[in-house]
Amino acid sequence: MNIGDAVRERILELCREHSISVNKLSSISGVTQSTVNNIVSDRNRSATISTIKKLCDGLGITIEEFFNSELFRGLEQELR
C-alpha cells in the first residue's frame, strides 16, 4: 500500500465511523466535492496536508488522529 491508498482508505473508514457520506464530508469540511471525490476514487493520489487538515476539522478530529491508523504503519518509502 502507498500513502495515496492509505489516505483514501482512511477517509472512507472515517466516513463509515461517523456514518456520513463522502459528499457530507465535503460539505462539513469546506473541501470541494470534486476534490474529495477525486481522492476517494483514486484520481488524486497526492492530497495535501492542508486538505487533510480541513477534512479532519470537518470530522472534529485532530490530524494526529487521522494518521493514527494501522493503514499508515509500515508504509514503504516512495522514491521516484
PDB file of N, CA and C in Angstrom:
ATOM      1  N   MET A   1       0.857  -1.182   0.000  1.00  0.00           N
ATOM      2  CA  MET A   1       0.000   0.000   0.000  1.00  0.00           C
ATOM      3  C   MET A   1       0.893   1.231   0.000  1.00  0.00           C
ATOM      4  N   ASN A   2       0.487   2.245  -0.759  1.00  0.00           N
ATOM      5  CA  ASN A   2       1.235   3.501  -0.759  1.00  0.00           C
ATOM      6  C   ASN A   2       0.451   4.556   0.021  1.00  0.00           C
ATOM      7  N   ILE A   3       1.029   5.718   0.190  1.00  0.00           N
ATOM      8  CA  ILE A   3       0.412   6.765   1.009  1.00  0.00           C
ATOM      9  C   ILE A   3      -0.934   7.221   0.433  1.00  0.00           C
ATOM     10  N   GLY A   4      -1.027   7.306  -0.893  1.00  0.00           N
ATOM     11  CA  GLY A   4      -2.297   7.701  -1.510  1.00  0.00           C
ATOM     12  C   GLY A   4      -3.406   6.715  -1.202  1.00  0.00           C
ATOM     13  N   ASP A   5      -3.080   5.421  -1.275  1.00  0.00           N
ATOM     14  CA  ASP A   5      -4.063   4.380  -0.937  1.00  0.00           C
ATOM     15  C   ASP A   5      -4.470   4.477   0.529  1.00  0.00           C
ATOM     16  N   ALA A   6      -3.494   4.703   1.403  1.00  0.00           N
ATOM     17  CA  ALA A   6      -3.780   4.780   2.830  1.00  0.00           C
ATOM     18  C   ALA A   6      -4.674   5.977   3.155  1.00  0.00           C
ATOM     19  N   VAL A   7      -4.403   7.129   2.541  1.00  0.00           N
ATOM     20  CA  VAL A   7      -5.230   8.317   2.768  1.00  0.00           C
ATOM     21  C   VAL A   7      -6.653   8.055   2.292  1.00  0.00           C
ATOM     22  N   ARG A   8      -6.790   7.499   1.098  1.00  0.00           N
ATOM     23  CA  ARG A   8      -8.120   7.192   0.561  1.00  0.00           C
ATOM     24  C   ARG A   8      -8.884   6.248   1.489  1.00  0.00           C
ATOM     25  N   GLU A   9      -8.239   5.169   1.901  1.00  0.00           N
ATOM     26  CA  GLU A   9      -8.893   4.199   2.779  1.00  0.00           C
ATOM     27  C   GLU A   9      -9.255   4.809   4.127  1.00  0.00           C
ATOM     28  N   ARG A  10      -8.386   5.676   4.650  1.00  0.00           N
ATOM     29  CA  ARG A  10      -8.660   6.297   5.943  1.00  0.00           C
ATOM     30  C   ARG A  10      -9.854   7.236   5.863  1.00  0.00           C
ATOM     31  N   ILE A  11      -9.961   7.992   4.790  1.00  0.00           N
ATOM     32  CA  ILE A  11     -11.126   8.871   4.615  1.00  0.00           C
ATOM     33  C   ILE A  11     -12.403   8.055   4.572  1.00  0.00           C
ATOM     34  N   LEU A  12     -12.398   6.981   3.802  1.00  0.00           N
ATOM     35  CA  LEU A  12     -13.589   6.133   3.707  1.00  0.00           C
ATOM     36  C   LEU A  12     -13.913   5.485   5.052  1.00  0.00           C
ATOM     37  N   GLU A  13     -12.879   5.060   5.772  1.00  0.00           N
ATOM     38  CA  GLU A  13     -13.059   4.455   7.092  1.00  0.00           C
ATOM     39  C   GLU A  13     -13.690   5.457   8.055  1.00  0.00           C
ATOM     40  N   LEU A  14     -13.193   6.689   8.056  1.00  0.00           N
ATOM     41  CA  LEU A  14     -13.725   7.717   8.950  1.00  0.00           C
ATOM     42  C   LEU A  14     -15.160   8.088   8.581  1.00  0.00           C
ATOM     43  N   CYS A  15     -15.474   8.107   7.308  1.00  0.00           N
ATOM     44  CA  CYS A  15     -16.867   8.368   6.901  1.00  0.00           C
ATOM     45  C   CYS A  15     -17.785   7.276   7.443  1.00  0.00           C
ATOM     46  N   ARG A  16     -17.350   6.033   7.350  1.00  0.00           N
ATOM     47  CA  ARG A  16     -18.158   4.931   7.901  1.00  0.00           C
ATOM     48  C   ARG A  16     -18.316   5.085   9.414  1.00  0.00           C
ATOM     49  N   GLU A  17     -17.205   5.387  10.111  1.00  0.00           N
ATOM     50  CA  GLU A  17     -17.257   5.540  11.569  1.00  0.00           C
ATOM     51  C   GLU A  17     -18.189   6.662  12.005  1.00  0.00           C
ATOM     52  N   HIS A  18     -18.245   7.728  11.226  1.00  0.00           N
ATOM     53  CA  HIS A  18     -19.086   8.873  11.554  1.00  0.00           C
ATOM     54  C   HIS A  18     -20.463   8.803  10.886  1.00  0.00           C
ATOM     55  N   SER A  19     -20.706   7.710  10.176  1.00  0.00           N
ATOM     56  CA  SER A  19     -21.991   7.489   9.482  1.00  0.00           C
ATOM     57  C   SER A  19     -22.361   8.655   8.574  1.00  0.00           C
ATOM     58  N   ILE A  20     -21.376   9.087   7.774  1.00  0.00           N
ATOM     59  CA  ILE A  20     -21.633  10.154   6.817  1.00  0.00           C
ATOM     60  C   ILE A  20     -21.134   9.729   5.438  1.00  0.00           C
ATOM     61  N   SER A  21     -21.680  10.353   4.439  1.00  0.00           N
ATOM     62  CA  SER A  21     -21.241  10.096   3.069  1.00  0.00           C
ATOM     63  C   SER A  21     -20.023  10.964   2.751  1.00  0.00           C
ATOM     64  N   VAL A  22     -19.366  10.627   1.681  1.00  0.00           N
ATOM     65  CA  VAL A  22     -18.241  11.436   1.214  1.00  0.00           C
ATOM     66  C   VAL A  22     -18.734  12.839   0.866  1.00  0.00           C
ATOM     67  N   ASN A  23     -19.915  12.933   0.290  1.00  0.00           N
ATOM     68  CA  ASN A  23     -20.471  14.252  -0.051  1.00  0.00           C
ATOM     69  C   ASN A  23     -20.757  15.077   1.198  1.00  0.00           C
ATOM     70  N   LYS A  24     -21.237  14.427   2.264  1.00  0.00           N
ATOM     71  CA  LYS A  24     -21.468  15.130   3.525  1.00  0.00           C
ATOM     72  C   LYS A  24     -20.141  15.604   4.111  1.00  0.00           C
ATOM     73  N   LEU A  25     -19.100  14.773   4.016  1.00  0.00           N
ATOM     74  CA  LEU A  25     -17.774  15.170   4.491  1.00  0.00           C
ATOM     75  C   LEU A  25     -17.303  16.420   3.753  1.00  0.00           C
ATOM     76  N   SER A  26     -17.531  16.447   2.465  1.00  0.00           N
ATOM     77  CA  SER A  26     -17.169  17.614   1.669  1.00  0.00           C
ATOM     78  C   SER A  26     -17.888  18.858   2.198  1.00  0.00           C
ATOM     79  N   SER A  27     -19.151  18.714   2.445  1.00  0.00           N
ATOM     80  CA  SER A  27     -19.971  19.832   2.906  1.00  0.00           C
ATOM     81  C   SER A  27     -19.525  20.357   4.268  1.00  0.00           C
ATOM     82  N   ILE A  28     -19.260  19.455   5.214  1.00  0.00           N
ATOM     83  CA  ILE A  28     -18.928  19.903   6.569  1.00  0.00           C
ATOM     84  C   ILE A  28     -17.475  20.354   6.704  1.00  0.00           C
ATOM     85  N   SER A  29     -16.642  19.983   5.740  1.00  0.00           N
ATOM     86  CA  SER A  29     -15.219  20.342   5.836  1.00  0.00           C
ATOM     87  C   SER A  29     -14.854  21.558   4.991  1.00  0.00           C
ATOM     88  N   GLY A  30     -15.711  21.909   4.044  1.00  0.00           N
ATOM     89  CA  GLY A  30     -15.395  23.026   3.164  1.00  0.00           C
ATOM     90  C   GLY A  30     -14.454  22.661   2.031  1.00  0.00           C
ATOM     91  N   VAL A  31     -14.179  21.374   1.872  1.00  0.00           N
ATOM     92  CA  VAL A  31     -13.361  20.903   0.752  1.00  0.00           C
ATOM     93  C   VAL A  31     -14.314  20.609  -0.397  1.00  0.00           C
ATOM     94  N   THR A  32     -13.970  21.045  -1.589  1.00  0.00           N
ATOM     95  CA  THR A  32     -14.901  20.858  -2.701  1.00  0.00           C
ATOM     96  C   THR A  32     -15.217  19.388  -2.912  1.00  0.00           C
ATOM     97  N   GLN A  33     -16.440  19.160  -3.352  1.00  0.00           N
ATOM     98  CA  GLN A  33     -16.894  17.803  -3.596  1.00  0.00           C
ATOM     99  C   GLN A  33     -16.006  17.116  -4.627  1.00  0.00           C
ATOM    100  N   SER A  34     -15.592  17.848  -5.648  1.00  0.00           N
ATOM    101  CA  SER A  34     -14.752  17.243  -6.687  1.00  0.00           C
ATOM    102  C   SER A  34     -13.397  16.816  -6.112  1.00  0.00           C
ATOM    103  N   THR A  35     -12.836  17.601  -5.205  1.00  0.00           N
ATOM    104  CA  THR A  35     -11.552  17.235  -4.595  1.00  0.00           C
ATOM    105  C   THR A  35     -11.694  15.958  -3.770  1.00  0.00           C
ATOM    106  N   VAL A  36     -12.708  15.897  -2.909  1.00  0.00           N
ATOM    107  CA  VAL A  36     -12.906  14.704  -2.084  1.00  0.00           C
ATOM    108  C   VAL A  36     -13.195  13.493  -2.968  1.00  0.00           C
ATOM    109  N   ASN A  37     -14.043  13.669  -3.955  1.00  0.00           N
ATOM    110  CA  ASN A  37     -14.349  12.556  -4.860  1.00  0.00           C
ATOM    111  C   ASN A  37     -13.109  12.087  -5.613  1.00  0.00           C
ATOM    112  N   ASN A  38     -12.262  13.026  -6.034  1.00  0.00           N
ATOM    113  CA  ASN A  38     -11.025  12.650  -6.730  1.00  0.00           C
ATOM    114  C   ASN A  38     -10.087  11.859  -5.821  1.00  0.00           C
ATOM    115  N   ILE A  39     -10.036  12.218  -4.552  1.00  0.00           N
ATOM    116  CA  ILE A  39      -9.174  11.496  -3.606  1.00  0.00           C
ATOM    117  C   ILE A  39      -9.702  10.075  -3.402  1.00  0.00           C
ATOM    118  N   VAL A  40     -10.987   9.946  -3.127  1.00  0.00           N
ATOM    119  CA  VAL A  40     -11.522   8.617  -2.802  1.00  0.00           C
ATOM    120  C   VAL A  40     -11.710   7.730  -4.030  1.00  0.00           C
ATOM    121  N   SER A  41     -11.725   8.318  -5.210  1.00  0.00           N
ATOM    122  CA  SER A  41     -11.849   7.493  -6.418  1.00  0.00           C
ATOM    123  C   SER A  41     -10.488   7.229  -7.053  1.00  0.00           C
ATOM    124  N   ASP A  42      -9.424   7.655  -6.385  1.00  0.00           N
ATOM    125  CA  ASP A  42      -8.051   7.381  -6.812  1.00  0.00           C
ATOM    126  C   ASP A  42      -7.618   8.192  -8.030  1.00  0.00           C
ATOM    127  N   ARG A  43      -8.322   9.274  -8.336  1.00  0.00           N
ATOM    128  CA  ARG A  43      -7.886  10.161  -9.417  1.00  0.00           C
ATOM    129  C   ARG A  43      -6.873  11.184  -8.924  1.00  0.00           C
ATOM    130  N   ASN A  44      -6.868  11.411  -7.608  1.00  0.00           N
ATOM    131  CA  ASN A  44      -5.898  12.318  -6.988  1.00  0.00           C
ATOM    132  C   ASN A  44      -5.158  11.515  -5.935  1.00  0.00           C
ATOM    133  N   ARG A  45      -3.906  11.200  -6.198  1.00  0.00           N
ATOM    134  CA  ARG A  45      -3.127  10.352  -5.294  1.00  0.00           C
ATOM    135  C   ARG A  45      -2.209  11.159  -4.388  1.00  0.00           C
ATOM    136  N   SER A  46      -2.376  12.472  -4.372  1.00  0.00           N
ATOM    137  CA  SER A  46      -1.482  13.292  -3.543  1.00  0.00           C
ATOM    138  C   SER A  46      -2.257  14.414  -2.855  1.00  0.00           C
ATOM    139  N   ALA A  47      -3.139  14.031  -1.951  1.00  0.00           N
ATOM    140  CA  ALA A  47      -3.889  15.026  -1.180  1.00  0.00           C
ATOM    141  C   ALA A  47      -2.914  15.828  -0.333  1.00  0.00           C
ATOM    142  N   THR A  48      -3.116  17.118  -0.275  1.00  0.00           N
ATOM    143  CA  THR A  48      -2.223  17.967   0.515  1.00  0.00           C
ATOM    144  C   THR A  48      -2.556  17.844   2.004  1.00  0.00           C
ATOM    145  N   ILE A  49      -1.587  18.175   2.816  1.00  0.00           N
ATOM    146  CA  ILE A  49      -1.819  18.189   4.265  1.00  0.00           C
ATOM    147  C   ILE A  49      -2.894  19.207   4.606  1.00  0.00           C
ATOM    148  N   SER A  50      -2.927  20.315   3.886  1.00  0.00           N
ATOM    149  CA  SER A  50      -3.954  21.337   4.106  1.00  0.00           C
ATOM    150  C   SER A  50      -5.356  20.754   3.875  1.00  0.00           C
ATOM    151  N   THR A  51      -5.515  19.975   2.820  1.00  0.00           N
ATOM    152  CA  THR A  51      -6.811  19.344   2.536  1.00  0.00           C
ATOM    153  C   THR A  51      -7.154  18.331   3.621  1.00  0.00           C
ATOM    154  N   ILE A  52      -6.186  17.526   4.015  1.00  0.00           N
ATOM    155  CA  ILE A  52      -6.430  16.531   5.061  1.00  0.00           C
ATOM    156  C   ILE A  52      -6.812  17.232   6.365  1.00  0.00           C
ATOM    157  N   LYS A  53      -6.152  18.348   6.670  1.00  0.00           N
ATOM    158  CA  LYS A  53      -6.477  19.107   7.892  1.00  0.00           C
ATOM    159  C   LYS A  53      -7.911  19.620   7.844  1.00  0.00           C
ATOM    160  N   LYS A  54      -8.360  20.116   6.704  1.00  0.00           N
ATOM    161  CA  LYS A  54      -9.739  20.586   6.563  1.00  0.00           C
ATOM    162  C   LYS A  54     -10.726  19.440   6.763  1.00  0.00           C
ATOM    163  N   LEU A  55     -10.407  18.277   6.210  1.00  0.00           N
ATOM    164  CA  LEU A  55     -11.272  17.110   6.392  1.00  0.00           C
ATOM    165  C   LEU A  55     -11.334  16.727   7.867  1.00  0.00           C
ATOM    166  N   CYS A  56     -10.192  16.771   8.540  1.00  0.00           N
ATOM    167  CA  CYS A  56     -10.148  16.477   9.972  1.00  0.00           C
ATOM    168  C   CYS A  56     -11.006  17.468  10.761  1.00  0.00           C
ATOM    169  N   ASP A  57     -10.886  18.751  10.433  1.00  0.00           N
ATOM    170  CA  ASP A  57     -11.686  19.770  11.110  1.00  0.00           C
ATOM    171  C   ASP A  57     -13.175  19.484  10.937  1.00  0.00           C
ATOM    172  N   GLY A  58     -13.571  19.107   9.733  1.00  0.00           N
ATOM    173  CA  GLY A  58     -14.970  18.776   9.482  1.00  0.00           C
ATOM    174  C   GLY A  58     -15.439  17.576  10.287  1.00  0.00           C
ATOM    175  N   LEU A  59     -14.550  16.624  10.492  1.00  0.00           N
ATOM    176  CA  LEU A  59     -14.884  15.426  11.260  1.00  0.00           C
ATOM    177  C   LEU A  59     -14.747  15.630  12.764  1.00  0.00           C
ATOM    178  N   GLY A  60     -14.134  16.745  13.160  1.00  0.00           N
ATOM    179  CA  GLY A  60     -13.939  17.009  14.579  1.00  0.00           C
ATOM    180  C   GLY A  60     -12.832  16.153  15.181  1.00  0.00           C
ATOM    181  N   ILE A  61     -11.820  15.836  14.362  1.00  0.00           N
ATOM    182  CA  ILE A  61     -10.679  15.057  14.850  1.00  0.00           C
ATOM    183  C   ILE A  61      -9.396  15.834  14.577  1.00  0.00           C
ATOM    184  N   THR A  62      -8.333  15.429  15.246  1.00  0.00           N
ATOM    185  CA  THR A  62      -7.042  16.057  15.004  1.00  0.00           C
ATOM    186  C   THR A  62      -6.341  15.354  13.848  1.00  0.00           C
ATOM    187  N   ILE A  63      -5.358  16.011  13.312  1.00  0.00           N
ATOM    188  CA  ILE A  63      -4.579  15.400  12.236  1.00  0.00           C
ATOM    189  C   ILE A  63      -3.818  14.184  12.768  1.00  0.00           C
ATOM    190  N   GLU A  64      -3.452  14.236  14.054  1.00  0.00           N
ATOM    191  CA  GLU A  64      -2.799  13.086  14.679  1.00  0.00           C
ATOM    192  C   GLU A  64      -3.740  11.883  14.690  1.00  0.00           C
ATOM    193  N   GLU A  65      -5.013  12.124  14.981  1.00  0.00           N
ATOM    194  CA  GLU A  65      -5.998  11.040  14.975  1.00  0.00           C
ATOM    195  C   GLU A  65      -6.174  10.475  13.562  1.00  0.00           C
ATOM    196  N   PHE A  66      -6.116  11.347  12.569  1.00  0.00           N
ATOM    197  CA  PHE A  66      -6.244  10.874  11.187  1.00  0.00           C
ATOM    198  C   PHE A  66      -5.143   9.868  10.868  1.00  0.00           C
ATOM    199  N   PHE A  67      -3.908  10.226  11.207  1.00  0.00           N
ATOM    200  CA  PHE A  67      -2.776   9.366  10.853  1.00  0.00           C
ATOM    201  C   PHE A  67      -2.522   8.248  11.858  1.00  0.00           C
ATOM    202  N   ASN A  68      -3.248   8.238  12.972  1.00  0.00           N
ATOM    203  CA  ASN A  68      -3.100   7.182  13.970  1.00  0.00           C
ATOM    204  C   ASN A  68      -3.951   5.979  13.552  1.00  0.00           C
ATOM    205  N   SER A  69      -3.470   5.274  12.561  1.00  0.00           N
ATOM    206  CA  SER A  69      -4.191   4.142  11.993  1.00  0.00           C
ATOM    207  C   SER A  69      -3.189   3.115  11.488  1.00  0.00           C
ATOM    208  N   GLU A  70      -3.571   1.873  11.568  1.00  0.00           N
ATOM    209  CA  GLU A  70      -2.728   0.795  11.034  1.00  0.00           C
ATOM    210  C   GLU A  70      -2.418   1.011   9.558  1.00  0.00           C
ATOM    211  N   LEU A  71      -3.280   1.730   8.856  1.00  0.00           N
ATOM    212  CA  LEU A  71      -3.069   1.978   7.431  1.00  0.00           C
ATOM    213  C   LEU A  71      -1.744   2.678   7.155  1.00  0.00           C
ATOM    214  N   PHE A  72      -1.281   3.488   8.110  1.00  0.00           N
ATOM    215  CA  PHE A  72      -0.070   4.282   7.900  1.00  0.00           C
ATOM    216  C   PHE A  72       1.179   3.650   8.502  1.00  0.00           C
ATOM    217  N   ARG A  73       1.001   2.548   9.192  1.00  0.00           N
ATOM    218  CA  ARG A  73       2.154   1.877   9.798  1.00  0.00           C
ATOM    219  C   ARG A  73       2.791   0.944   8.777  1.00  0.00           C
ATOM    220  N   GLY A  74       4.064   1.047   8.653  1.00  0.00           N
ATOM    221  CA  GLY A  74       4.779   0.129   7.765  1.00  0.00           C
ATOM    222  C   GLY A  74       4.707   0.481   6.288  1.00  0.00           C
ATOM    223  N   LEU A  75       4.309   1.718   5.977  1.00  0.00           N
ATOM    224  CA  LEU A  75       4.308   2.121   4.568  1.00  0.00           C
ATOM    225  C   LEU A  75       5.743   2.149   4.055  1.00  0.00           C
ATOM    226  N   GLU A  76       5.907   1.708   2.848  1.00  0.00           N
ATOM    227  CA  GLU A  76       7.237   1.758   2.253  1.00  0.00           C
ATOM    228  C   GLU A  76       7.526   3.181   1.781  1.00  0.00           C
ATOM    229  N   GLN A  77       8.804   3.535   1.831  1.00  0.00           N
ATOM    230  CA  GLN A  77       9.210   4.845   1.363  1.00  0.00           C
ATOM    231  C   GLN A  77       8.988   4.912  -0.142  1.00  0.00           C
ATOM    232  N   GLU A  78       8.446   6.021  -0.578  1.00  0.00           N
ATOM    233  CA  GLU A  78       8.156   6.188  -2.005  1.00  0.00           C
ATOM    234  C   GLU A  78       9.217   7.081  -2.633  1.00  0.00           C
ATOM    235  N   LEU A  79      10.081   6.497  -3.394  1.00  0.00           N
ATOM    236  CA  LEU A  79      11.111   7.246  -4.112  1.00  0.00           C
ATOM    237  C   LEU A  79      10.786   7.239  -5.589  1.00  0.00           C
ATOM    238  N   ARG A  80      10.941   8.411  -6.205  1.00  0.00           N
ATOM    239  CA  ARG A  80      10.674   8.498  -7.653  1.00  0.00           C
ATOM    240  C   ARG A  80      11.752   9.265  -8.321  1.00  0.00           C
TER     241      ARG A  80
END
